[in-house]
C-alpha atoms as a PDB file:
ATOM      1  CA  MET A   1      -0.131  -0.217   0.305  1.00  0.00           C
ATOM      2  CA  ARG A   2       1.067   3.668  -0.785  1.00  0.00           C
ATOM      3  CA  ASN A   3       1.826   5.934   1.888  1.00  0.00           C
ATOM      4  CA  THR A   4      -0.527   8.596   0.482  1.00  0.00           C
ATOM      5  CA  THR A   5      -3.257  10.842   2.218  1.00  0.00           C
ATOM      6  CA  VAL A   6      -6.972   9.771   1.498  1.00  0.00           C
ATOM      7  CA  ASP A   7      -7.102  13.406  -0.072  1.00  0.00           C
ATOM      8  CA  ARG A   8      -4.684  12.652  -2.523  1.00  0.00           C
ATOM      9  CA  LEU A   9      -6.003   9.300  -3.300  1.00  0.00           C
ATOM     10  CA  GLY A  10      -9.565  10.929  -3.910  1.00  0.00           C
ATOM     11  CA  TYR A  11      -7.611  13.216  -6.060  1.00  0.00           C
ATOM     12  CA  GLU A  12      -6.140  10.664  -8.247  1.00  0.00           C
ATOM     13  CA  ALA A  13      -8.763   8.264  -8.429  1.00  0.00           C
ATOM     14  CA  ILE A  14     -10.867  11.628  -9.941  1.00  0.00           C
ATOM     15  CA  ALA A  15      -8.514  12.455 -11.977  1.00  0.00           C
ATOM     16  CA  GLN A  16      -8.237   8.724 -13.329  1.00  0.00           C
ATOM     17  CA  TYR A  17     -12.039   8.634 -13.949  1.00  0.00           C
ATOM     18  CA  LEU A  18     -11.627  11.813 -16.203  1.00  0.00           C
ATOM     19  CA  GLY A  19      -9.011  10.096 -18.336  1.00  0.00           C
ATOM     20  CA  GLU A  20      -6.355  12.954 -16.680  1.00  0.00           C
ATOM     21  CA  THR A  21      -2.428  11.650 -16.215  1.00  0.00           C
ATOM     22  CA  VAL A  22      -1.611  12.642 -12.394  1.00  0.00           C
ATOM     23  CA  GLU A  23       1.728  12.545 -11.475  1.00  0.00           C
ATOM     24  CA  SER A  24       2.268  10.384  -8.476  1.00  0.00           C
ATOM     25  CA  SER A  25       4.486  11.634  -5.623  1.00  0.00           C
ATOM     26  CA  GLU A  26       7.258   8.945  -6.400  1.00  0.00           C
ATOM     27  CA  THR A  27       6.839  10.409 -10.163  1.00  0.00           C
ATOM     28  CA  ARG A  28       7.338  13.689  -9.151  1.00  0.00           C
ATOM     29  CA  LEU A  29       9.951  13.352  -6.545  1.00  0.00           C
ATOM     30  CA  ALA A  30      11.900  11.576  -9.367  1.00  0.00           C
ATOM     31  CA  SER A  31      11.445  14.527 -11.584  1.00  0.00           C
ATOM     32  CA  LEU A  32      12.397  17.348  -8.988  1.00  0.00           C
ATOM     33  CA  GLU A  33      15.482  14.955  -8.439  1.00  0.00           C
ATOM     34  CA  THR A  34      16.683  14.953 -11.853  1.00  0.00           C
ATOM     35  CA  GLN A  35      15.938  18.878 -12.156  1.00  0.00           C
ATOM     36  CA  MET A  36      18.041  19.058  -8.925  1.00  0.00           C
ATOM     37  CA  ALA A  37      21.155  17.312 -10.564  1.00  0.00           C
ATOM     38  CA  THR A  38      20.482  19.492 -13.459  1.00  0.00           C
ATOM     39  CA  LEU A  39      20.886  22.239 -11.550  1.00  0.00           C
ATOM     40  CA  GLN A  40      23.590  21.622  -9.546  1.00  0.00           C
ATOM     41  CA  LYS A  41      25.764  20.719 -12.460  1.00  0.00           C
ATOM     42  CA  THR A  42      25.117  23.580 -14.209  1.00  0.00           C
ATOM     43  CA  LEU A  43      25.989  25.902 -11.330  1.00  0.00           C
ATOM     44  CA  SER A  44      29.117  23.964 -10.920  1.00  0.00           C
ATOM     45  CA  GLN A  45      29.912  24.806 -14.541  1.00  0.00           C
ATOM     46  CA  LEU A  46      28.765  28.486 -13.710  1.00  0.00           C
ATOM     47  CA  ASN A  47      31.041  29.043 -10.920  1.00  0.00           C
ATOM     48  CA  LEU A  48      34.075  27.501 -13.000  1.00  0.00           C
ATOM     49  CA  THR A  49      33.598  30.175 -15.662  1.00  0.00           C
ATOM     50  CA  VAL A  50      33.207  32.743 -12.802  1.00  0.00           C
ATOM     51  CA  ALA A  51      36.597  31.526 -11.397  1.00  0.00           C
ATOM     52  CA  SER A  52      38.137  31.815 -14.820  1.00  0.00           C
ATOM     53  CA  LEU A  53      36.910  35.223 -15.628  1.00  0.00           C
ATOM     54  CA  GLN A  54      37.977  36.490 -12.484  1.00  0.00           C
ATOM     55  CA  LYS A  55      41.693  34.864 -12.899  1.00  0.00           C
ATOM     56  CA  GLN A  56      41.360  37.161 -16.328  1.00  0.00           C
ATOM     57  CA  LEU A  57      40.683  40.163 -14.172  1.00  0.00           C
ATOM     58  CA  ILE A  58      43.366  39.881 -12.111  1.00  0.00           C
ATOM     59  CA  THR A  59      45.763  38.611 -13.919  1.00  0.00           C
ATOM     60  CA  PRO A  60      46.395  41.098 -17.535  1.00  0.00           C
ATOM     61  CA  THR A  61      47.268  39.825 -20.304  1.00  0.00           C
ATOM     62  CA  PRO A  62      50.504  41.131 -22.205  1.00  0.00           C
ATOM     63  CA  PRO A  63      49.948  43.388 -25.232  1.00  0.00           C
ATOM     64  CA  GLN A  64      50.239  41.422 -28.251  1.00  0.00           C
ATOM     65  CA  PRO A  65      52.680  41.982 -31.287  1.00  0.00           C
ATOM     66  CA  SER A  66      51.107  43.122 -34.256  1.00  0.00           C
ATOM     67  CA  PRO A  67      50.998  40.719 -37.597  1.00  0.00           C
ATOM     68  CA  GLN A  68      53.950  42.776 -38.619  1.00  0.00           C
ATOM     69  CA  GLY A  69      55.873  42.182 -35.834  1.00  0.00           C
ATOM     70  CA  LYS A  70      56.151  45.924 -34.796  1.00  0.00           C
ATOM     71  CA  PRO A  71      55.236  46.763 -31.284  1.00  0.00           C
ATOM     72  CA  GLN A  72      51.730  48.354 -30.937  1.00  0.00           C
ATOM     73  CA  PRO A  73      51.842  51.986 -29.717  1.00  0.00           C
ATOM     74  CA  ASP A  74      50.295  52.598 -26.774  1.00  0.00           C
ATOM     75  CA  ALA A  75      47.003  54.978 -26.777  1.00  0.00           C
ATOM     76  CA  GLU A  76      48.519  57.362 -24.405  1.00  0.00           C
ATOM     77  CA  LEU A  77      51.666  58.029 -26.209  1.00  0.00           C
ATOM     78  CA  LEU A  78      49.957  58.865 -29.778  1.00  0.00           C
ATOM     79  CA  GLU A  79      49.795  62.517 -30.289  1.00  0.00           C
ATOM     80  CA  ASP A  80      46.465  64.277 -31.077  1.00  0.00           C
ATOM     81  CA  GLU A  81      46.204  66.460 -34.058  1.00  0.00           C
ATOM     82  CA  PRO A  82      47.209  69.873 -32.794  1.00  0.00           C
ATOM     83  CA  ASP A  83      43.563  71.859 -32.257  1.00  0.00           C
ATOM     84  CA  GLU A  84      42.315  73.644 -34.866  1.00  0.00           C
ATOM     85  CA  ILE A  85      39.087  75.240 -35.972  1.00  0.00           C
ATOM     86  CA  LEU A  86      37.783  74.496 -39.399  1.00  0.00           C
ATOM     87  CA  TYR A  87      35.904  77.020 -41.169  1.00  0.00           C
ATOM     88  CA  ASP A  88      35.506  75.605 -44.347  1.00  0.00           C
ATOM     89  CA  PHE A  89      32.180  74.100 -43.485  1.00  0.00           C
ATOM     90  CA  LEU A  90      30.886  77.650 -42.530  1.00  0.00           C
ATOM     91  CA  PRO A  91      29.222  80.343 -44.892  1.00  0.00           C
ATOM     92  CA  PRO A  92      31.130  82.925 -45.674  1.00  0.00           C
ATOM     93  CA  GLU A  93      29.800  85.822 -43.487  1.00  0.00           C
ATOM     94  CA  GLU A  94      29.994  83.410 -40.432  1.00  0.00           C
ATOM     95  CA  ARG A  95      34.008  82.691 -41.852  1.00  0.00           C
END
């Protein structure tokens, strides 16, 4: 005999009479255990991904050489063009 309540037995009997399928407690438990295992696996993979990303943030990668073998110039060392105002696009009376 199953270890279920009278209410559950009545529910299952009515569902069976109406042609509905009802998950038993054992089926629901097995389904939940499968879902839990899947969630644990996903969480484990997520933890590994987070740890890898944190490691990349802590350990910066050195700059890679350019394809021609010349080192890439740092953005800070590049000189901007001199500040100049371009008037060519303005109408003649505003130049």
